[in-house]
Amino acid sequence: MITEILTRWQTNPTDWQHELRQAIREPIQLLQLLNLSPSELPQPLVLKPHFALRVPRSYIARMRKGDPTDPLLRQVLPIVAEQRQSPTFSLDPTGDKLAERVPGLLAKYSGRVLLMVTGACAIHCRYCFRQHYNYSTGSSLLAAIAFIRADSSISEVILSGGDPLTWTDNRLAELIHQLAQIPHLQRLRLHTRLPIVLPQRITHELLNQLTQTRLQPIIVVHANHANEIDESVGYSLQRLVAAGITVLNQSVLLRGVNADATALINLSEILFNYRVLPYYLHLLDRVQGATHFEIPKLAALELLAQMRIALPGYLVPRLVQEVAGMAYKQPIL
């Protein structure tokens, strides 16, 4: 299998772009691919959700056919529960707008800034904390780079979005080059789901760009369940690590997906099989549309205690919550 994947990626480095264009966008079509009907779902399907369905076929291939409770399916399938409104949930739970210094550039934490280079993603997760973010105002790379250049306290730039790896290799190379010209920058971090949902994205050209810059590269991937990590995903993670890139994983604790000690333990174990360290386990960002995913703090702490019993310390992610306006992610202890 790995030999076939490697051959395909080497002979067609734009294969990931074709996969991206072929992503499923209709809920009924997704169910048909999984041999499911709407009547089998625990809750009614939403055919035209406010946050459109988008999921690559390679990710769908990892879902269990005929299982309406599959943990990967639950992450992407729009159901009526997401129409429930709560006064304690908001459209901007992490305070992105308050932290915006120039369009698309957020300064929340000391020494680092987050640059939202795009609103595009390979997959639309139903719990996404930026599902209501207005990307139509765009970002100004010139203004962002000028802001970073003018502030010598900034040592790290985080590329996010959307997903920065939806950009082409050439476009990313130009941005990385511009950032590397800023003397006080030391690290370049990318927050991305693509190595998990679309592993073909890890091309030879991308690896060269990330390893030939003077900036120290860090990739933070996002996997919530061990079933997301098949052989092709493992291979993409291994390529990143073998290239000398620090690779970490962050997860979100989600009811019906991974709110189970065994699921979380298995995820940490399979990540480390590919030399990826668990980094953060987030409590849900309280975004409108995601109330049905939330797990209480006490339940989260119990899960963390069970992980500590079963795993060495380096495989236990830090349980955190992002609170708008705070100077760092808040540890849940």
C-alpha atoms as a PDB file:
ATOM      1  CA  MET A   1       0.000   0.000   0.000  1.00  0.00           C
ATOM      2  CA  ILE A   2       2.718   2.488   0.974  1.00  0.00           C
ATOM      3  CA  THR A   3       4.648   1.742  -2.231  1.00  0.00           C
ATOM      4  CA  GLU A   4       1.531   2.493  -4.279  1.00  0.00           C
ATOM      5  CA  ILE A   5       0.928   5.741  -2.389  1.00  0.00           C
ATOM      6  CA  LEU A   6       4.544   6.856  -2.784  1.00  0.00           C
ATOM      7  CA  THR A   7       4.512   6.122  -6.510  1.00  0.00           C
ATOM      8  CA  ARG A   8       1.296   8.084  -7.012  1.00  0.00           C
ATOM      9  CA  TRP A   9       2.519  11.105  -5.030  1.00  0.00           C
ATOM     10  CA  GLN A  10       5.859  11.182  -6.857  1.00  0.00           C
ATOM     11  CA  THR A  11       4.359  10.869 -10.339  1.00  0.00           C
ATOM     12  CA  ASN A  12       1.531  13.322  -9.710  1.00  0.00           C
ATOM     13  CA  PRO A  13       2.467  15.959  -7.100  1.00  0.00           C
ATOM     14  CA  THR A  14      -0.817  17.826  -7.724  1.00  0.00           C
ATOM     15  CA  ASP A  15      -2.911  14.750  -6.865  1.00  0.00           C
ATOM     16  CA  TRP A  16      -3.950  16.452  -3.632  1.00  0.00           C
ATOM     17  CA  GLN A  17      -5.483  19.347  -5.575  1.00  0.00           C
ATOM     18  CA  HIS A  18      -7.583  16.923  -7.610  1.00  0.00           C
ATOM     19  CA  GLU A  19      -8.727  15.278  -4.369  1.00  0.00           C
ATOM     20  CA  LEU A  20      -9.622  18.666  -2.973  1.00  0.00           C
ATOM     21  CA  ARG A  21     -11.758  19.498  -6.003  1.00  0.00           C
ATOM     22  CA  GLN A  22     -13.523  16.132  -5.713  1.00  0.00           C
ATOM     23  CA  ALA A  23     -14.519  16.643  -2.063  1.00  0.00           C
ATOM     24  CA  ILE A  24     -18.112  15.692  -1.227  1.00  0.00           C
ATOM     25  CA  ARG A  25     -20.394  18.685  -0.613  1.00  0.00           C
ATOM     26  CA  GLU A  26     -23.881  17.136  -0.427  1.00  0.00           C
ATOM     27  CA  PRO A  27     -25.059  15.378   2.768  1.00  0.00           C
ATOM     28  CA  ILE A  28     -27.200  12.841   0.883  1.00  0.00           C
ATOM     29  CA  GLN A  29     -24.275  11.894  -1.356  1.00  0.00           C
ATOM     30  CA  LEU A  30     -22.106  11.345   1.716  1.00  0.00           C
ATOM     31  CA  LEU A  31     -24.698   9.016   3.232  1.00  0.00           C
ATOM     32  CA  GLN A  32     -25.014   7.097  -0.033  1.00  0.00           C
ATOM     33  CA  LEU A  33     -21.256   6.469  -0.103  1.00  0.00           C
ATOM     34  CA  LEU A  34     -21.593   4.986   3.393  1.00  0.00           C
ATOM     35  CA  ASN A  35     -24.652   2.838   2.594  1.00  0.00           C
ATOM     36  CA  LEU A  36     -26.782   4.879   4.976  1.00  0.00           C
ATOM     37  CA  SER A  37     -30.189   6.500   4.698  1.00  0.00           C
ATOM     38  CA  PRO A  38     -31.338   9.621   6.571  1.00  0.00           C
ATOM     39  CA  SER A  39     -33.843   7.511   8.535  1.00  0.00           C
ATOM     40  CA  GLU A  40     -30.953   5.604  10.171  1.00  0.00           C
ATOM     41  CA  LEU A  41     -29.415   8.712  11.719  1.00  0.00           C
ATOM     42  CA  PRO A  42     -29.844   9.437  15.436  1.00  0.00           C
ATOM     43  CA  GLN A  43     -31.019  12.954  14.505  1.00  0.00           C
ATOM     44  CA  PRO A  44     -32.498  14.458  11.336  1.00  0.00           C
ATOM     45  CA  LEU A  45     -30.092  15.535   8.611  1.00  0.00           C
ATOM     46  CA  VAL A  46     -29.707  19.195   7.621  1.00  0.00           C
ATOM     47  CA  LEU A  47     -29.554  19.359   3.838  1.00  0.00           C
ATOM     48  CA  LYS A  48     -28.562  23.022   3.548  1.00  0.00           C
ATOM     49  CA  PRO A  49     -26.550  23.896   6.659  1.00  0.00           C
ATOM     50  CA  HIS A  50     -25.247  27.412   7.286  1.00  0.00           C
ATOM     51  CA  PHE A  51     -21.747  25.918   7.344  1.00  0.00           C
ATOM     52  CA  ALA A  52     -21.519  23.897   4.151  1.00  0.00           C
ATOM     53  CA  LEU A  53     -20.503  20.257   4.111  1.00  0.00           C
ATOM     54  CA  ARG A  54     -17.043  19.561   2.717  1.00  0.00           C
ATOM     55  CA  VAL A  55     -15.165  16.284   3.152  1.00  0.00           C
ATOM     56  CA  PRO A  56     -12.507  14.562   0.973  1.00  0.00           C
ATOM     57  CA  ARG A  57     -13.240  11.108  -0.373  1.00  0.00           C
ATOM     58  CA  SER A  58     -10.041   9.717   1.146  1.00  0.00           C
ATOM     59  CA  TYR A  59     -11.331  10.708   4.581  1.00  0.00           C
ATOM     60  CA  ILE A  60     -14.731   9.152   3.860  1.00  0.00           C
ATOM     61  CA  ALA A  61     -12.941   5.906   2.973  1.00  0.00           C
ATOM     62  CA  ARG A  62     -11.881   5.632   6.636  1.00  0.00           C
ATOM     63  CA  MET A  63     -15.474   5.783   7.900  1.00  0.00           C
ATOM     64  CA  ARG A  64     -17.327   2.573   8.767  1.00  0.00           C
ATOM     65  CA  LYS A  65     -19.988   1.858   6.171  1.00  0.00           C
ATOM     66  CA  GLY A  66     -23.471   1.356   7.548  1.00  0.00           C
ATOM     67  CA  ASP A  67     -22.606   2.921  10.908  1.00  0.00           C
ATOM     68  CA  PRO A  68     -24.506   6.171  11.617  1.00  0.00           C
ATOM     69  CA  THR A  69     -22.485   6.655  14.828  1.00  0.00           C
ATOM     70  CA  ASP A  70     -19.064   6.458  13.188  1.00  0.00           C
ATOM     71  CA  PRO A  71     -16.771   8.965  14.985  1.00  0.00           C
ATOM     72  CA  LEU A  72     -15.392  10.379  11.728  1.00  0.00           C
ATOM     73  CA  LEU A  73     -18.831  10.792  10.209  1.00  0.00           C
ATOM     74  CA  ARG A  74     -20.076  12.585  13.310  1.00  0.00           C
ATOM     75  CA  GLN A  75     -17.366  15.225  12.905  1.00  0.00           C
ATOM     76  CA  VAL A  76     -18.589  16.300   9.458  1.00  0.00           C
ATOM     77  CA  LEU A  77     -22.274  15.403   9.081  1.00  0.00           C
ATOM     78  CA  PRO A  78     -24.722  18.328   9.578  1.00  0.00           C
ATOM     79  CA  ILE A  79     -27.581  17.342  11.863  1.00  0.00           C
ATOM     80  CA  VAL A  80     -30.460  19.300  13.363  1.00  0.00           C
ATOM     81  CA  ALA A  81     -28.747  19.592  16.781  1.00  0.00           C
ATOM     82  CA  GLU A  82     -26.381  22.200  15.355  1.00  0.00           C
ATOM     83  CA  GLN A  83     -29.330  24.554  14.848  1.00  0.00           C
ATOM     84  CA  ARG A  84     -29.784  24.750  18.609  1.00  0.00           C
ATOM     85  CA  GLN A  85     -28.813  28.163  20.014  1.00  0.00           C
ATOM     86  CA  SER A  86     -27.379  28.719  23.478  1.00  0.00           C
ATOM     87  CA  PRO A  87     -26.889  32.031  25.317  1.00  0.00           C
ATOM     88  CA  THR A  88     -23.531  30.780  26.624  1.00  0.00           C
ATOM     89  CA  PHE A  89     -22.223  30.040  23.119  1.00  0.00           C
ATOM     90  CA  SER A  90     -21.146  32.757  20.675  1.00  0.00           C
ATOM     91  CA  LEU A  91     -20.109  33.409  17.073  1.00  0.00           C
ATOM     92  CA  ASP A  92     -16.532  34.241  18.117  1.00  0.00           C
ATOM     93  CA  PRO A  93     -15.765  32.192  21.234  1.00  0.00           C
ATOM     94  CA  THR A  94     -11.982  32.680  21.105  1.00  0.00           C
ATOM     95  CA  GLY A  95     -12.030  36.462  20.646  1.00  0.00           C
ATOM     96  CA  ASP A  96     -10.428  36.517  17.207  1.00  0.00           C
ATOM     97  CA  LYS A  97     -11.901  39.863  16.232  1.00  0.00           C
ATOM     98  CA  LEU A  98     -10.682  41.538  19.415  1.00  0.00           C
ATOM     99  CA  ALA A  99      -7.166  40.226  18.747  1.00  0.00           C
ATOM    100  CA  GLU A 100      -6.988  41.398  15.117  1.00  0.00           C
ATOM    101  CA  ARG A 101      -4.273  44.001  14.581  1.00  0.00           C
ATOM    102  CA  VAL A 102      -4.457  44.248  10.789  1.00  0.00           C
ATOM    103  CA  PRO A 103      -6.863  42.262   8.584  1.00  0.00           C
ATOM    104  CA  GLY A 104      -6.113  38.565   9.055  1.00  0.00           C
ATOM    105  CA  LEU A 105      -3.382  39.001  11.702  1.00  0.00           C
ATOM    106  CA  LEU A 106      -4.149  38.080  15.320  1.00  0.00           C
ATOM    107  CA  ALA A 107      -1.942  38.967  18.268  1.00  0.00           C
ATOM    108  CA  LYS A 108      -3.230  37.062  21.290  1.00  0.00           C
ATOM    109  CA  TYR A 109      -0.075  35.839  23.001  1.00  0.00           C
ATOM    110  CA  SER A 110       3.316  37.320  23.801  1.00  0.00           C
ATOM    111  CA  GLY A 111       6.042  36.746  21.224  1.00  0.00           C
ATOM    112  CA  ARG A 112       3.888  35.228  18.504  1.00  0.00           C
ATOM    113  CA  VAL A 113       1.216  36.175  16.029  1.00  0.00           C
ATOM    114  CA  LEU A 114      -1.267  34.170  14.010  1.00  0.00           C
ATOM    115  CA  LEU A 115      -1.704  34.883  10.320  1.00  0.00           C
ATOM    116  CA  MET A 116      -4.956  33.659   8.766  1.00  0.00           C
ATOM    117  CA  VAL A 117      -3.777  33.215   5.198  1.00  0.00           C
ATOM    118  CA  THR A 118      -7.019  31.721   3.855  1.00  0.00           C
ATOM    119  CA  GLY A 119     -10.572  30.801   4.742  1.00  0.00           C
ATOM    120  CA  ALA A 120     -10.353  27.559   2.771  1.00  0.00           C
ATOM    121  CA  CYS A 121     -10.208  24.123   4.404  1.00  0.00           C
ATOM    122  CA  ALA A 122     -10.107  20.600   3.020  1.00  0.00           C
ATOM    123  CA  ILE A 123     -12.776  19.563   5.503  1.00  0.00           C
ATOM    124  CA  HIS A 124     -15.532  21.393   7.351  1.00  0.00           C
ATOM    125  CA  CYS A 125     -15.677  20.143  10.923  1.00  0.00           C
ATOM    126  CA  ARG A 126     -19.039  20.792  12.555  1.00  0.00           C
ATOM    127  CA  TYR A 127     -17.404  22.038  15.779  1.00  0.00           C
ATOM    128  CA  CYS A 128     -15.116  24.564  13.992  1.00  0.00           C
ATOM    129  CA  PHE A 129     -14.714  27.662  16.168  1.00  0.00           C
ATOM    130  CA  ARG A 130     -14.273  29.834  13.055  1.00  0.00           C
ATOM    131  CA  GLN A 131     -17.359  28.602  11.197  1.00  0.00           C
ATOM    132  CA  HIS A 132     -18.937  32.063  11.580  1.00  0.00           C
ATOM    133  CA  TYR A 133     -15.773  34.068  10.910  1.00  0.00           C
ATOM    134  CA  ASN A 134     -16.160  36.607   8.098  1.00  0.00           C
ATOM    135  CA  TYR A 135     -13.292  35.763   5.758  1.00  0.00           C
ATOM    136  CA  SER A 136     -14.784  37.952   3.017  1.00  0.00           C
ATOM    137  CA  THR A 137     -12.978  40.979   4.452  1.00  0.00           C
ATOM    138  CA  GLY A 138      -9.767  39.206   3.437  1.00  0.00           C
ATOM    139  CA  SER A 139      -6.279  39.592   4.832  1.00  0.00           C
ATOM    140  CA  SER A 140      -3.517  41.972   3.867  1.00  0.00           C
ATOM    141  CA  LEU A 141      -0.214  40.118   3.667  1.00  0.00           C
ATOM    142  CA  LEU A 142       1.674  43.342   3.042  1.00  0.00           C
ATOM    143  CA  ALA A 143       0.189  44.954   6.146  1.00  0.00           C
ATOM    144  CA  ALA A 144       0.704  41.790   8.198  1.00  0.00           C
ATOM    145  CA  ILE A 145       4.348  41.439   7.207  1.00  0.00           C
ATOM    146  CA  ALA A 146       4.927  45.136   7.906  1.00  0.00           C
ATOM    147  CA  PHE A 147       3.363  44.692  11.367  1.00  0.00           C
ATOM    148  CA  ILE A 148       5.596  41.700  12.113  1.00  0.00           C
ATOM    149  CA  ARG A 149       8.715  43.456  10.821  1.00  0.00           C
ATOM    150  CA  ALA A 150       8.036  46.473  13.028  1.00  0.00           C
ATOM    151  CA  ASP A 151       7.699  44.463  16.267  1.00  0.00           C
ATOM    152  CA  SER A 152      10.992  42.870  17.289  1.00  0.00           C
ATOM    153  CA  SER A 153       9.311  41.035  20.189  1.00  0.00           C
ATOM    154  CA  ILE A 154       7.670  38.639  17.706  1.00  0.00           C
ATOM    155  CA  SER A 155       9.758  35.481  17.331  1.00  0.00           C
ATOM    156  CA  GLU A 156       7.151  33.100  15.925  1.00  0.00           C
ATOM    157  CA  VAL A 157       4.532  33.297  13.188  1.00  0.00           C
ATOM    158  CA  ILE A 158       1.658  30.812  13.120  1.00  0.00           C
ATOM    159  CA  LEU A 159       0.011  30.186   9.764  1.00  0.00           C
ATOM    160  CA  SER A 160      -3.645  29.256  10.144  1.00  0.00           C
ATOM    161  CA  GLY A 161      -6.985  29.934   8.555  1.00  0.00           C
ATOM    162  CA  GLY A 162      -8.832  28.067   7.197  1.00  0.00           C
ATOM    163  CA  ASP A 163      -5.906  25.808   6.479  1.00  0.00           C
ATOM    164  CA  PRO A 164      -2.605  27.198   5.155  1.00  0.00           C
ATOM    165  CA  LEU A 165      -1.813  23.949   3.329  1.00  0.00           C
ATOM    166  CA  THR A 166      -4.691  24.567   0.932  1.00  0.00           C
ATOM    167  CA  TRP A 167      -2.274  27.058  -0.623  1.00  0.00           C
ATOM    168  CA  THR A 168      -0.077  25.753  -3.436  1.00  0.00           C
ATOM    169  CA  ASP A 169       3.604  25.030  -2.845  1.00  0.00           C
ATOM    170  CA  ASN A 170       4.651  28.073  -4.879  1.00  0.00           C
ATOM    171  CA  ARG A 171       2.378  30.436  -3.001  1.00  0.00           C
ATOM    172  CA  LEU A 172       3.539  29.124   0.359  1.00  0.00           C
ATOM    173  CA  ALA A 173       7.185  29.355  -0.741  1.00  0.00           C
ATOM    174  CA  GLU A 174       6.819  33.070  -1.481  1.00  0.00           C
ATOM    175  CA  LEU A 175       5.254  33.769   1.929  1.00  0.00           C
ATOM    176  CA  ILE A 176       7.896  31.720   3.762  1.00  0.00           C
ATOM    177  CA  HIS A 177      10.621  33.585   1.888  1.00  0.00           C
ATOM    178  CA  GLN A 178       9.182  36.948   2.923  1.00  0.00           C
ATOM    179  CA  LEU A 179       8.900  35.911   6.560  1.00  0.00           C
ATOM    180  CA  ALA A 180      12.453  34.544   6.611  1.00  0.00           C
ATOM    181  CA  GLN A 181      13.726  38.018   5.661  1.00  0.00           C
ATOM    182  CA  ILE A 182      12.545  39.380   9.025  1.00  0.00           C
ATOM    183  CA  PRO A 183      15.618  39.053  11.299  1.00  0.00           C
ATOM    184  CA  HIS A 184      13.872  38.644  14.653  1.00  0.00           C
ATOM    185  CA  LEU A 185      11.658  35.740  13.526  1.00  0.00           C
ATOM    186  CA  GLN A 186      12.908  32.343  14.689  1.00  0.00           C
ATOM    187  CA  ARG A 187      10.062  29.881  14.184  1.00  0.00           C
ATOM    188  CA  LEU A 188       7.358  29.172  11.617  1.00  0.00           C
ATOM    189  CA  ARG A 189       4.391  27.158  12.844  1.00  0.00           C
ATOM    190  CA  LEU A 190       1.596  25.779  10.659  1.00  0.00           C
ATOM    191  CA  HIS A 191      -1.727  24.658  12.111  1.00  0.00           C
ATOM    192  CA  THR A 192      -3.201  22.243   9.614  1.00  0.00           C
ATOM    193  CA  ARG A 193      -5.645  19.372   9.251  1.00  0.00           C
ATOM    194  CA  LEU A 194      -4.484  18.405   5.748  1.00  0.00           C
ATOM    195  CA  PRO A 195      -1.835  15.808   6.698  1.00  0.00           C
ATOM    196  CA  ILE A 196      -4.697  13.970   8.441  1.00  0.00           C
ATOM    197  CA  VAL A 197      -7.596  14.422   6.023  1.00  0.00           C
ATOM    198  CA  LEU A 198      -5.630  14.724   2.763  1.00  0.00           C
ATOM    199  CA  PRO A 199      -2.202  13.132   3.301  1.00  0.00           C
ATOM    200  CA  GLN A 200      -1.246  13.527  -0.375  1.00  0.00           C
ATOM    201  CA  ARG A 201      -0.633  17.184   0.464  1.00  0.00           C
ATOM    202  CA  ILE A 202       2.754  16.331   1.956  1.00  0.00           C
ATOM    203  CA  THR A 203       4.710  16.671  -1.276  1.00  0.00           C
ATOM    204  CA  HIS A 204       8.448  16.638  -1.848  1.00  0.00           C
ATOM    205  CA  GLU A 205       8.249  20.328  -2.785  1.00  0.00           C
ATOM    206  CA  LEU A 206       6.474  21.224   0.452  1.00  0.00           C
ATOM    207  CA  LEU A 207       9.055  19.374   2.535  1.00  0.00           C
ATOM    208  CA  ASN A 208      11.841  21.236   0.762  1.00  0.00           C
ATOM    209  CA  GLN A 209      10.218  24.602   1.467  1.00  0.00           C
ATOM    210  CA  LEU A 210       9.766  23.838   5.152  1.00  0.00           C
ATOM    211  CA  THR A 211      13.297  22.524   5.656  1.00  0.00           C
ATOM    212  CA  GLN A 212      15.319  24.895   3.480  1.00  0.00           C
ATOM    213  CA  THR A 213      14.235  28.063   5.253  1.00  0.00           C
ATOM    214  CA  ARG A 214      16.273  29.404   8.157  1.00  0.00           C
ATOM    215  CA  LEU A 215      13.078  29.470  10.259  1.00  0.00           C
ATOM    216  CA  GLN A 216      12.550  26.463  12.510  1.00  0.00           C
ATOM    217  CA  PRO A 217       9.422  24.677  11.198  1.00  0.00           C
ATOM    218  CA  ILE A 218       6.722  23.246  13.448  1.00  0.00           C
ATOM    219  CA  ILE A 219       3.618  21.472  12.178  1.00  0.00           C
ATOM    220  CA  VAL A 220       0.628  21.135  14.503  1.00  0.00           C
ATOM    221  CA  VAL A 221      -1.790  18.626  13.010  1.00  0.00           C
ATOM    222  CA  HIS A 222      -5.322  17.950  14.200  1.00  0.00           C
ATOM    223  CA  ALA A 223      -6.573  14.406  14.727  1.00  0.00           C
ATOM    224  CA  ASN A 224      -9.381  13.547  17.144  1.00  0.00           C
ATOM    225  CA  HIS A 225      -9.681   9.782  16.737  1.00  0.00           C
ATOM    226  CA  ALA A 226      -7.328   6.906  15.939  1.00  0.00           C
ATOM    227  CA  ASN A 227      -9.516   5.854  13.005  1.00  0.00           C
ATOM    228  CA  GLU A 228      -8.457   9.031  11.207  1.00  0.00           C
ATOM    229  CA  ILE A 229      -4.895   7.728  10.979  1.00  0.00           C
ATOM    230  CA  ASP A 230      -4.599   5.039   8.330  1.00  0.00           C
ATOM    231  CA  GLU A 231      -1.447   3.887   6.554  1.00  0.00           C
ATOM    232  CA  SER A 232      -1.368   6.812   4.135  1.00  0.00           C
ATOM    233  CA  VAL A 233      -1.763   9.353   6.957  1.00  0.00           C
ATOM    234  CA  GLY A 234       0.957   7.603   8.927  1.00  0.00           C
ATOM    235  CA  TYR A 235       3.232   7.844   5.928  1.00  0.00           C
ATOM    236  CA  SER A 236       2.612  11.592   5.567  1.00  0.00           C
ATOM    237  CA  LEU A 237       3.408  12.107   9.259  1.00  0.00           C
ATOM    238  CA  GLN A 238       6.571  10.022   8.995  1.00  0.00           C
ATOM    239  CA  ARG A 239       7.755  12.087   6.032  1.00  0.00           C
ATOM    240  CA  LEU A 240       7.352  15.297   8.012  1.00  0.00           C
ATOM    241  CA  VAL A 241       9.217  13.918  11.024  1.00  0.00           C
ATOM    242  CA  ALA A 242      11.966  12.331   8.892  1.00  0.00           C
ATOM    243  CA  ALA A 243      12.556  15.721   7.284  1.00  0.00           C
ATOM    244  CA  GLY A 244      13.427  17.119  10.714  1.00  0.00           C
ATOM    245  CA  ILE A 245      10.154  18.975  11.300  1.00  0.00           C
ATOM    246  CA  THR A 246       8.675  19.038  14.796  1.00  0.00           C
ATOM    247  CA  VAL A 247       5.182  17.526  14.536  1.00  0.00           C
ATOM    248  CA  LEU A 248       2.613  17.853  17.322  1.00  0.00           C
ATOM    249  CA  ASN A 249      -1.068  16.954  17.491  1.00  0.00           C
ATOM    250  CA  GLN A 250      -3.955  18.835  19.002  1.00  0.00           C
ATOM    251  CA  SER A 251      -7.410  17.375  19.514  1.00  0.00           C
ATOM    252  CA  VAL A 252     -10.788  18.639  20.601  1.00  0.00           C
ATOM    253  CA  LEU A 253     -12.758  16.677  23.169  1.00  0.00           C
ATOM    254  CA  LEU A 254     -16.055  15.867  21.452  1.00  0.00           C
ATOM    255  CA  ARG A 255     -19.153  14.055  22.656  1.00  0.00           C
ATOM    256  CA  GLY A 256     -19.876  11.080  20.415  1.00  0.00           C
ATOM    257  CA  VAL A 257     -16.390  11.173  18.872  1.00  0.00           C
ATOM    258  CA  ASN A 258     -13.629  10.742  21.447  1.00  0.00           C
ATOM    259  CA  ALA A 259     -15.149  11.350  24.879  1.00  0.00           C
ATOM    260  CA  ASP A 260     -13.942   7.941  25.929  1.00  0.00           C
ATOM    261  CA  ALA A 261     -10.671   7.036  27.653  1.00  0.00           C
ATOM    262  CA  THR A 262      -9.966   4.104  25.340  1.00  0.00           C
ATOM    263  CA  ALA A 263     -10.422   6.275  22.246  1.00  0.00           C
ATOM    264  CA  LEU A 264      -8.076   8.943  23.599  1.00  0.00           C
ATOM    265  CA  ILE A 265      -5.477   6.393  24.693  1.00  0.00           C
ATOM    266  CA  ASN A 266      -5.548   4.717  21.284  1.00  0.00           C
ATOM    267  CA  LEU A 267      -5.107   8.075  19.586  1.00  0.00           C
ATOM    268  CA  SER A 268      -2.019   8.924  21.637  1.00  0.00           C
ATOM    269  CA  GLU A 269      -0.538   5.497  20.973  1.00  0.00           C
ATOM    270  CA  ILE A 270      -1.027   5.578  17.199  1.00  0.00           C
ATOM    271  CA  LEU A 271       0.289   9.136  16.970  1.00  0.00           C
ATOM    272  CA  PHE A 272       3.471   8.120  18.740  1.00  0.00           C
ATOM    273  CA  ASN A 273       3.822   5.106  16.456  1.00  0.00           C
ATOM    274  CA  TYR A 274       4.484   7.743  13.786  1.00  0.00           C
ATOM    275  CA  ARG A 275       6.629   9.877  16.152  1.00  0.00           C
ATOM    276  CA  VAL A 276       4.024  12.582  16.668  1.00  0.00           C
ATOM    277  CA  LEU A 277       3.583  13.877  20.209  1.00  0.00           C
ATOM    278  CA  PRO A 278       0.139  14.675  21.672  1.00  0.00           C
ATOM    279  CA  TYR A 279       0.178  18.395  22.456  1.00  0.00           C
ATOM    280  CA  TYR A 280      -3.225  19.772  23.445  1.00  0.00           C
ATOM    281  CA  LEU A 281      -6.602  18.257  24.228  1.00  0.00           C
ATOM    282  CA  HIS A 282      -8.997  21.198  23.982  1.00  0.00           C
ATOM    283  CA  LEU A 283     -12.284  21.616  25.729  1.00  0.00           C
ATOM    284  CA  LEU A 284     -14.784  22.608  23.080  1.00  0.00           C
ATOM    285  CA  ASP A 285     -14.670  26.235  21.973  1.00  0.00           C
ATOM    286  CA  ARG A 286     -18.240  27.343  22.665  1.00  0.00           C
ATOM    287  CA  VAL A 287     -19.222  28.317  19.140  1.00  0.00           C
ATOM    288  CA  GLN A 288     -22.878  28.499  18.127  1.00  0.00           C
ATOM    289  CA  GLY A 289     -23.786  25.318  16.282  1.00  0.00           C
ATOM    290  CA  ALA A 290     -21.646  22.980  18.387  1.00  0.00           C
ATOM    291  CA  THR A 291     -23.548  22.692  21.678  1.00  0.00           C
ATOM    292  CA  HIS A 292     -24.166  18.960  21.147  1.00  0.00           C
ATOM    293  CA  PHE A 293     -20.419  18.227  21.164  1.00  0.00           C
ATOM    294  CA  GLU A 294     -19.654  19.696  24.586  1.00  0.00           C
ATOM    295  CA  ILE A 295     -18.286  17.606  27.458  1.00  0.00           C
ATOM    296  CA  PRO A 296     -18.384  18.984  31.051  1.00  0.00           C
ATOM    297  CA  LYS A 297     -15.054  19.869  32.660  1.00  0.00           C
ATOM    298  CA  LEU A 298     -15.417  17.251  35.403  1.00  0.00           C
ATOM    299  CA  ALA A 299     -15.953  14.519  32.805  1.00  0.00           C
ATOM    300  CA  ALA A 300     -12.921  15.776  30.883  1.00  0.00           C
ATOM    301  CA  LEU A 301     -10.778  15.635  34.032  1.00  0.00           C
ATOM    302  CA  GLU A 302     -11.887  12.063  34.678  1.00  0.00           C
ATOM    303  CA  LEU A 303     -10.855  11.089  31.155  1.00  0.00           C
ATOM    304  CA  LEU A 304      -7.490  12.775  31.682  1.00  0.00           C
ATOM    305  CA  ALA A 305      -6.969  10.844  34.927  1.00  0.00           C
ATOM    306  CA  GLN A 306      -7.631   7.570  33.113  1.00  0.00           C
ATOM    307  CA  MET A 307      -5.128   8.532  30.417  1.00  0.00           C
ATOM    308  CA  ARG A 308      -2.481   9.279  33.049  1.00  0.00           C
ATOM    309  CA  ILE A 309      -2.945   5.836  34.559  1.00  0.00           C
ATOM    310  CA  ALA A 310      -2.630   4.080  31.192  1.00  0.00           C
ATOM    311  CA  LEU A 311       0.055   6.137  29.444  1.00  0.00           C
ATOM    312  CA  PRO A 312       3.546   7.502  30.071  1.00  0.00           C
ATOM    313  CA  GLY A 313       3.476  11.214  30.769  1.00  0.00           C
ATOM    314  CA  TYR A 314       4.803  12.230  27.374  1.00  0.00           C
ATOM    315  CA  LEU A 315       1.738  10.670  25.709  1.00  0.00           C
ATOM    316  CA  VAL A 316      -0.786  12.570  27.828  1.00  0.00           C
ATOM    317  CA  PRO A 317      -1.834  15.825  26.119  1.00  0.00           C
ATOM    318  CA  ARG A 318      -2.381  18.966  28.135  1.00  0.00           C
ATOM    319  CA  LEU A 319      -6.075  19.564  28.785  1.00  0.00           C
ATOM    320  CA  VAL A 320      -6.741  23.231  28.023  1.00  0.00           C
ATOM    321  CA  GLN A 321      -9.425  25.748  27.227  1.00  0.00           C
ATOM    322  CA  GLU A 322      -9.003  28.927  25.216  1.00  0.00           C
ATOM    323  CA  VAL A 323     -10.626  31.899  26.909  1.00  0.00           C
ATOM    324  CA  ALA A 324     -11.012  35.119  24.924  1.00  0.00           C
ATOM    325  CA  GLY A 325      -8.710  37.852  26.195  1.00  0.00           C
ATOM    326  CA  MET A 326      -6.476  35.621  28.322  1.00  0.00           C
ATOM    327  CA  ALA A 327      -2.704  35.693  27.788  1.00  0.00           C
ATOM    328  CA  TYR A 328      -2.384  31.911  27.363  1.00  0.00           C
ATOM    329  CA  LYS A 329      -4.533  28.805  26.986  1.00  0.00           C
ATOM    330  CA  GLN A 330      -5.995  27.942  30.359  1.00  0.00           C
ATOM    331  CA  PRO A 331      -4.928  24.572  31.799  1.00  0.00           C
ATOM    332  CA  ILE A 332      -7.759  22.458  33.206  1.00  0.00           C
ATOM    333  CA  LEU A 333      -6.480  20.880  36.412  1.00  0.00           C
END
